[in-house]
Amino acid sequence: MPELGRRIAVWGPTGSGKTTLGRRLGQRLGLPVVEMDTLFWLPNWGAKPADRFQADVRGALDAHANGWISVGNYHSALGGLVLSQADTVIWLRLPFRVTFWRLFKRTIARAWTKQPLWEGNPNTESWRQTFLSKDSILLFAITSRKSHVERTLANLEQTPHRGRVLVLRSARNVEGLLNALPESRVGAPRQ
């Protein structure tokens, strides 16, 4: 069984399955999941000011002294706040064709149903934003892929941390990791 520790950061490009993996890890390990998107985005797609975002993330992590799973990148806004505390960083580096297809299906489904993206936040996907906007998540996925890899490598190299880095490059790698963990435990609250 891989030893992941009690503080796990899940990173990866949009559509890579960070949230899904984070929730599954939380269930398996009995750890709360702290979703960075829920802490960062304000209604109407407003971004939270950096100091407030950092304070909210620090508060969420501190509230779970026995461990947590942090889902989301946001390193540029948070500096080493998450990375410096993480026992393990799981970096999802699945092929673009896989992540883009997942993102495309998810975005279409969300635009159709208009379901809020995060608990307590009314933001939704829309057809206009998806296909007719420079702020399209699909366009972002295409244009940010290379810079995501470069930024992640730089962050891991330049930010002091003690965490083990696991790079998972396929859905099979993800399932292999999950299958190597103990059976599900009760009590994995979400932040």
C-alpha atoms as a PDB file:
ATOM      1  CA  MET A   1       0.000   0.000   0.000  1.00  0.00           C
ATOM      2  CA  PRO A   2       1.375   3.458  -0.852  1.00  0.00           C
ATOM      3  CA  GLU A   3       1.940   5.677   2.166  1.00  0.00           C
ATOM      4  CA  LEU A   4       0.282   8.971   1.297  1.00  0.00           C
ATOM      5  CA  GLY A   5       0.286  10.598   4.716  1.00  0.00           C
ATOM      6  CA  ARG A   6      -2.549  12.662   6.162  1.00  0.00           C
ATOM      7  CA  ARG A   7      -2.117  15.827   4.081  1.00  0.00           C
ATOM      8  CA  ILE A   8      -2.558  15.264   0.377  1.00  0.00           C
ATOM      9  CA  ALA A   9      -2.649  17.848  -2.422  1.00  0.00           C
ATOM     10  CA  VAL A  10      -4.262  16.833  -5.715  1.00  0.00           C
ATOM     11  CA  TRP A  11      -3.100  18.883  -8.701  1.00  0.00           C
ATOM     12  CA  GLY A  12      -3.745  18.692 -12.414  1.00  0.00           C
ATOM     13  CA  PRO A  13      -5.153  20.586 -15.376  1.00  0.00           C
ATOM     14  CA  THR A  14      -8.847  21.301 -15.701  1.00  0.00           C
ATOM     15  CA  GLY A  15     -10.761  18.141 -16.540  1.00  0.00           C
ATOM     16  CA  SER A  16      -8.114  15.797 -15.175  1.00  0.00           C
ATOM     17  CA  GLY A  17     -10.321  14.431 -12.394  1.00  0.00           C
ATOM     18  CA  LYS A  18      -8.889  16.272  -9.376  1.00  0.00           C
ATOM     19  CA  THR A  19     -12.199  16.623  -7.570  1.00  0.00           C
ATOM     20  CA  THR A  20     -13.298  13.067  -8.295  1.00  0.00           C
ATOM     21  CA  LEU A  21      -9.976  11.666  -7.099  1.00  0.00           C
ATOM     22  CA  GLY A  22      -9.983  13.932  -4.050  1.00  0.00           C
ATOM     23  CA  ARG A  23     -13.437  12.756  -3.007  1.00  0.00           C
ATOM     24  CA  ARG A  24     -12.561   9.105  -3.553  1.00  0.00           C
ATOM     25  CA  LEU A  25      -9.365   9.511  -1.536  1.00  0.00           C
ATOM     26  CA  GLY A  26     -11.326  11.261   1.196  1.00  0.00           C
ATOM     27  CA  GLN A  27     -13.722   8.330   1.410  1.00  0.00           C
ATOM     28  CA  ARG A  28     -10.941   5.766   1.415  1.00  0.00           C
ATOM     29  CA  LEU A  29      -8.750   7.542   3.951  1.00  0.00           C
ATOM     30  CA  GLY A  30     -11.415   9.159   6.106  1.00  0.00           C
ATOM     31  CA  LEU A  31     -10.069  12.645   5.400  1.00  0.00           C
ATOM     32  CA  PRO A  32     -11.984  15.863   4.692  1.00  0.00           C
ATOM     33  CA  VAL A  33     -11.741  17.304   1.201  1.00  0.00           C
ATOM     34  CA  VAL A  34     -10.961  21.012   0.808  1.00  0.00           C
ATOM     35  CA  GLU A  35     -11.910  22.134  -2.695  1.00  0.00           C
ATOM     36  CA  MET A  36      -9.957  25.238  -3.683  1.00  0.00           C
ATOM     37  CA  ASP A  37     -12.547  26.265  -6.299  1.00  0.00           C
ATOM     38  CA  THR A  38     -15.220  26.590  -3.603  1.00  0.00           C
ATOM     39  CA  LEU A  39     -12.947  28.904  -1.638  1.00  0.00           C
ATOM     40  CA  PHE A  40     -11.707  30.955  -4.624  1.00  0.00           C
ATOM     41  CA  TRP A  41     -14.777  31.730  -6.741  1.00  0.00           C
ATOM     42  CA  LEU A  42     -17.339  34.319  -5.757  1.00  0.00           C
ATOM     43  CA  PRO A  43     -20.813  34.540  -7.341  1.00  0.00           C
ATOM     44  CA  ASN A  44     -20.868  35.781 -10.965  1.00  0.00           C
ATOM     45  CA  TRP A  45     -17.379  34.347 -11.464  1.00  0.00           C
ATOM     46  CA  GLY A  46     -15.671  36.932  -9.334  1.00  0.00           C
ATOM     47  CA  ALA A  47     -12.250  35.967  -8.014  1.00  0.00           C
ATOM     48  CA  LYS A  48     -11.689  36.343  -4.296  1.00  0.00           C
ATOM     49  CA  PRO A  49      -8.915  38.830  -3.382  1.00  0.00           C
ATOM     50  CA  ALA A  50      -5.616  36.996  -2.781  1.00  0.00           C
ATOM     51  CA  ASP A  51      -5.329  37.865   0.905  1.00  0.00           C
ATOM     52  CA  ARG A  52      -8.876  36.719   1.636  1.00  0.00           C
ATOM     53  CA  PHE A  53      -8.396  33.535  -0.405  1.00  0.00           C
ATOM     54  CA  GLN A  54      -5.180  32.735   1.463  1.00  0.00           C
ATOM     55  CA  ALA A  55      -6.876  33.346   4.808  1.00  0.00           C
ATOM     56  CA  ASP A  56      -9.817  31.116   3.839  1.00  0.00           C
ATOM     57  CA  VAL A  57      -7.512  28.312   2.686  1.00  0.00           C
ATOM     58  CA  ARG A  58      -5.356  28.608   5.819  1.00  0.00           C
ATOM     59  CA  GLY A  59      -8.499  28.479   7.949  1.00  0.00           C
ATOM     60  CA  ALA A  60      -9.847  25.418   6.108  1.00  0.00           C
ATOM     61  CA  LEU A  61      -6.565  23.535   6.436  1.00  0.00           C
ATOM     62  CA  ASP A  62      -6.092  24.543  10.086  1.00  0.00           C
ATOM     63  CA  ALA A  63      -9.639  23.386  10.846  1.00  0.00           C
ATOM     64  CA  HIS A  64      -8.574  19.863   9.883  1.00  0.00           C
ATOM     65  CA  ALA A  65      -5.489  19.350  12.016  1.00  0.00           C
ATOM     66  CA  ASN A  66      -5.710  15.564  11.648  1.00  0.00           C
ATOM     67  CA  GLY A  67      -5.321  15.759   7.889  1.00  0.00           C
ATOM     68  CA  TRP A  68      -6.960  16.891   4.676  1.00  0.00           C
ATOM     69  CA  ILE A  69      -7.085  16.455   0.956  1.00  0.00           C
ATOM     70  CA  SER A  70      -6.626  19.714  -0.932  1.00  0.00           C
ATOM     71  CA  VAL A  71      -8.093  19.693  -4.434  1.00  0.00           C
ATOM     72  CA  GLY A  72      -6.949  22.332  -6.903  1.00  0.00           C
ATOM     73  CA  ASN A  73      -3.840  24.072  -8.110  1.00  0.00           C
ATOM     74  CA  TYR A  74      -3.894  27.798  -7.205  1.00  0.00           C
ATOM     75  CA  HIS A  75      -0.209  27.718  -6.315  1.00  0.00           C
ATOM     76  CA  SER A  76       0.413  31.191  -7.752  1.00  0.00           C
ATOM     77  CA  ALA A  77      -2.259  32.645  -5.424  1.00  0.00           C
ATOM     78  CA  LEU A  78      -1.280  30.547  -2.412  1.00  0.00           C
ATOM     79  CA  GLY A  79       2.489  30.309  -2.694  1.00  0.00           C
ATOM     80  CA  GLY A  80       3.696  27.415  -0.605  1.00  0.00           C
ATOM     81  CA  LEU A  81       0.708  27.425   1.760  1.00  0.00           C
ATOM     82  CA  VAL A  82      -0.557  23.990   0.677  1.00  0.00           C
ATOM     83  CA  LEU A  83       2.597  22.505  -0.820  1.00  0.00           C
ATOM     84  CA  SER A  84       4.747  23.205   2.246  1.00  0.00           C
ATOM     85  CA  GLN A  85       2.316  21.238   4.441  1.00  0.00           C
ATOM     86  CA  ALA A  86       1.550  18.363   2.075  1.00  0.00           C
ATOM     87  CA  ASP A  87       2.835  14.866   2.797  1.00  0.00           C
ATOM     88  CA  THR A  88       2.016  13.885  -0.779  1.00  0.00           C
ATOM     89  CA  VAL A  89       1.258  15.746  -3.989  1.00  0.00           C
ATOM     90  CA  ILE A  90      -0.670  13.719  -6.534  1.00  0.00           C
ATOM     91  CA  TRP A  91      -0.210  15.310  -9.953  1.00  0.00           C
ATOM     92  CA  LEU A  92      -2.676  14.098 -12.550  1.00  0.00           C
ATOM     93  CA  ARG A  93      -0.909  14.238 -15.932  1.00  0.00           C
ATOM     94  CA  LEU A  94      -3.355  12.283 -18.031  1.00  0.00           C
ATOM     95  CA  PRO A  95      -3.235  12.651 -21.823  1.00  0.00           C
ATOM     96  CA  PHE A  96      -4.886  15.759 -23.236  1.00  0.00           C
ATOM     97  CA  ARG A  97      -7.340  13.712 -25.298  1.00  0.00           C
ATOM     98  CA  VAL A  98      -8.623  12.131 -22.073  1.00  0.00           C
ATOM     99  CA  THR A  99      -8.862  15.303 -20.008  1.00  0.00           C
ATOM    100  CA  PHE A 100     -10.386  17.388 -22.795  1.00  0.00           C
ATOM    101  CA  TRP A 101     -13.050  14.784 -23.577  1.00  0.00           C
ATOM    102  CA  ARG A 102     -13.943  14.551 -19.878  1.00  0.00           C
ATOM    103  CA  LEU A 103     -14.109  18.328 -19.611  1.00  0.00           C
ATOM    104  CA  PHE A 104     -16.209  18.632 -22.769  1.00  0.00           C
ATOM    105  CA  LYS A 105     -18.779  16.085 -21.548  1.00  0.00           C
ATOM    106  CA  ARG A 106     -18.882  17.603 -18.070  1.00  0.00           C
ATOM    107  CA  THR A 107     -19.267  21.153 -19.382  1.00  0.00           C
ATOM    108  CA  ILE A 108     -22.078  20.223 -21.785  1.00  0.00           C
ATOM    109  CA  ALA A 109     -23.926  18.352 -19.022  1.00  0.00           C
ATOM    110  CA  ARG A 110     -23.569  21.265 -16.628  1.00  0.00           C
ATOM    111  CA  ALA A 111     -24.650  23.834 -19.220  1.00  0.00           C
ATOM    112  CA  TRP A 112     -27.719  21.706 -19.941  1.00  0.00           C
ATOM    113  CA  THR A 113     -28.735  21.164 -16.308  1.00  0.00           C
ATOM    114  CA  LYS A 114     -27.634  24.569 -14.965  1.00  0.00           C
ATOM    115  CA  GLN A 115     -26.540  22.875 -11.748  1.00  0.00           C
ATOM    116  CA  PRO A 116     -24.423  25.065  -9.471  1.00  0.00           C
ATOM    117  CA  LEU A 117     -20.780  24.083  -9.712  1.00  0.00           C
ATOM    118  CA  TRP A 118     -20.033  24.259  -5.990  1.00  0.00           C
ATOM    119  CA  GLU A 119     -22.066  23.952  -2.861  1.00  0.00           C
ATOM    120  CA  GLY A 120     -23.079  27.372  -1.610  1.00  0.00           C
ATOM    121  CA  ASN A 121     -22.055  29.136  -4.838  1.00  0.00           C
ATOM    122  CA  PRO A 122     -24.563  29.905  -7.608  1.00  0.00           C
ATOM    123  CA  ASN A 123     -22.051  29.875 -10.509  1.00  0.00           C
ATOM    124  CA  THR A 124     -23.107  27.645 -13.412  1.00  0.00           C
ATOM    125  CA  GLU A 125     -21.808  26.709 -16.843  1.00  0.00           C
ATOM    126  CA  SER A 126     -23.603  28.352 -19.766  1.00  0.00           C
ATOM    127  CA  TRP A 127     -23.751  27.730 -23.496  1.00  0.00           C
ATOM    128  CA  ARG A 128     -22.650  31.305 -24.177  1.00  0.00           C
ATOM    129  CA  GLN A 129     -19.659  31.130 -21.857  1.00  0.00           C
ATOM    130  CA  THR A 130     -18.672  27.673 -23.115  1.00  0.00           C
ATOM    131  CA  PHE A 131     -18.791  28.378 -26.851  1.00  0.00           C
ATOM    132  CA  LEU A 132     -18.901  32.139 -27.399  1.00  0.00           C
ATOM    133  CA  SER A 133     -16.633  33.621 -24.759  1.00  0.00           C
ATOM    134  CA  LYS A 134     -12.927  34.214 -24.396  1.00  0.00           C
ATOM    135  CA  ASP A 135     -13.497  32.921 -20.829  1.00  0.00           C
ATOM    136  CA  SER A 136     -14.560  29.482 -22.095  1.00  0.00           C
ATOM    137  CA  ILE A 137     -13.321  26.639 -19.898  1.00  0.00           C
ATOM    138  CA  LEU A 138     -12.749  24.600 -23.077  1.00  0.00           C
ATOM    139  CA  LEU A 139     -10.566  27.329 -24.567  1.00  0.00           C
ATOM    140  CA  PHE A 140      -8.744  27.632 -21.248  1.00  0.00           C
ATOM    141  CA  ALA A 141      -8.040  23.889 -21.262  1.00  0.00           C
ATOM    142  CA  ILE A 142      -6.492  24.136 -24.716  1.00  0.00           C
ATOM    143  CA  THR A 143      -4.429  27.264 -24.143  1.00  0.00           C
ATOM    144  CA  SER A 144      -3.207  26.524 -20.611  1.00  0.00           C
ATOM    145  CA  ARG A 145      -2.050  22.923 -21.016  1.00  0.00           C
ATOM    146  CA  LYS A 146       1.628  23.642 -21.661  1.00  0.00           C
ATOM    147  CA  SER A 147       1.862  26.437 -19.099  1.00  0.00           C
ATOM    148  CA  HIS A 148       0.227  24.207 -16.467  1.00  0.00           C
ATOM    149  CA  VAL A 149       3.025  21.665 -16.840  1.00  0.00           C
ATOM    150  CA  GLU A 150       5.725  24.346 -16.790  1.00  0.00           C
ATOM    151  CA  ARG A 151       4.243  26.082 -13.717  1.00  0.00           C
ATOM    152  CA  THR A 152       3.779  22.826 -11.844  1.00  0.00           C
ATOM    153  CA  LEU A 153       7.353  21.715 -12.483  1.00  0.00           C
ATOM    154  CA  ALA A 154       8.642  25.136 -11.407  1.00  0.00           C
ATOM    155  CA  ASN A 155       6.476  25.162  -8.264  1.00  0.00           C
ATOM    156  CA  LEU A 156       7.641  21.714  -7.232  1.00  0.00           C
ATOM    157  CA  GLU A 157      11.268  22.683  -7.825  1.00  0.00           C
ATOM    158  CA  GLN A 158      11.242  26.167  -6.290  1.00  0.00           C
ATOM    159  CA  THR A 159       8.892  25.813  -3.314  1.00  0.00           C
ATOM    160  CA  PRO A 160      10.408  24.179  -0.248  1.00  0.00           C
ATOM    161  CA  HIS A 161       8.405  21.097   0.592  1.00  0.00           C
ATOM    162  CA  ARG A 162       8.836  17.669   2.081  1.00  0.00           C
ATOM    163  CA  GLY A 163       6.000  16.010   0.213  1.00  0.00           C
ATOM    164  CA  ARG A 164       6.351  12.976  -1.944  1.00  0.00           C
ATOM    165  CA  VAL A 165       5.214  13.634  -5.530  1.00  0.00           C
ATOM    166  CA  LEU A 166       3.196  10.974  -7.327  1.00  0.00           C
ATOM    167  CA  VAL A 167       2.675  11.605 -11.029  1.00  0.00           C
ATOM    168  CA  LEU A 168      -0.258   9.649 -12.425  1.00  0.00           C
ATOM    169  CA  ARG A 169      -0.368   9.550 -16.218  1.00  0.00           C
ATOM    170  CA  SER A 170      -3.415   7.393 -16.904  1.00  0.00           C
ATOM    171  CA  ALA A 171      -6.803   6.418 -15.554  1.00  0.00           C
ATOM    172  CA  ARG A 172      -5.256   3.012 -14.916  1.00  0.00           C
ATOM    173  CA  ASN A 173      -2.614   4.644 -12.677  1.00  0.00           C
ATOM    174  CA  VAL A 174      -5.363   6.440 -10.738  1.00  0.00           C
ATOM    175  CA  GLU A 175      -7.369   3.249 -10.254  1.00  0.00           C
ATOM    176  CA  GLY A 176      -4.216   1.382  -9.265  1.00  0.00           C
ATOM    177  CA  LEU A 177      -3.501   3.930  -6.544  1.00  0.00           C
ATOM    178  CA  LEU A 178      -7.059   3.782  -5.232  1.00  0.00           C
ATOM    179  CA  ASN A 179      -7.140  -0.018  -5.311  1.00  0.00           C
ATOM    180  CA  ALA A 180      -3.922  -0.149  -3.289  1.00  0.00           C
ATOM    181  CA  LEU A 181      -5.517   1.844  -0.461  1.00  0.00           C
ATOM    182  CA  PRO A 182      -7.506   0.307   2.392  1.00  0.00           C
ATOM    183  CA  GLU A 183     -11.246  -0.164   1.985  1.00  0.00           C
ATOM    184  CA  SER A 184     -13.499   2.827   2.510  1.00  0.00           C
ATOM    185  CA  ARG A 185     -13.841   4.320   5.942  1.00  0.00           C
ATOM    186  CA  VAL A 186     -16.807   6.200   7.279  1.00  0.00           C
ATOM    187  CA  GLY A 187     -16.539   9.874   8.078  1.00  0.00           C
ATOM    188  CA  ALA A 188     -14.850  11.777   5.271  1.00  0.00           C
ATOM    189  CA  PRO A 189     -16.466  15.195   5.595  1.00  0.00           C
ATOM    190  CA  ARG A 190     -16.213  17.686   2.752  1.00  0.00           C
ATOM    191  CA  GLN A 191     -15.181  21.276   3.281  1.00  0.00           C
END
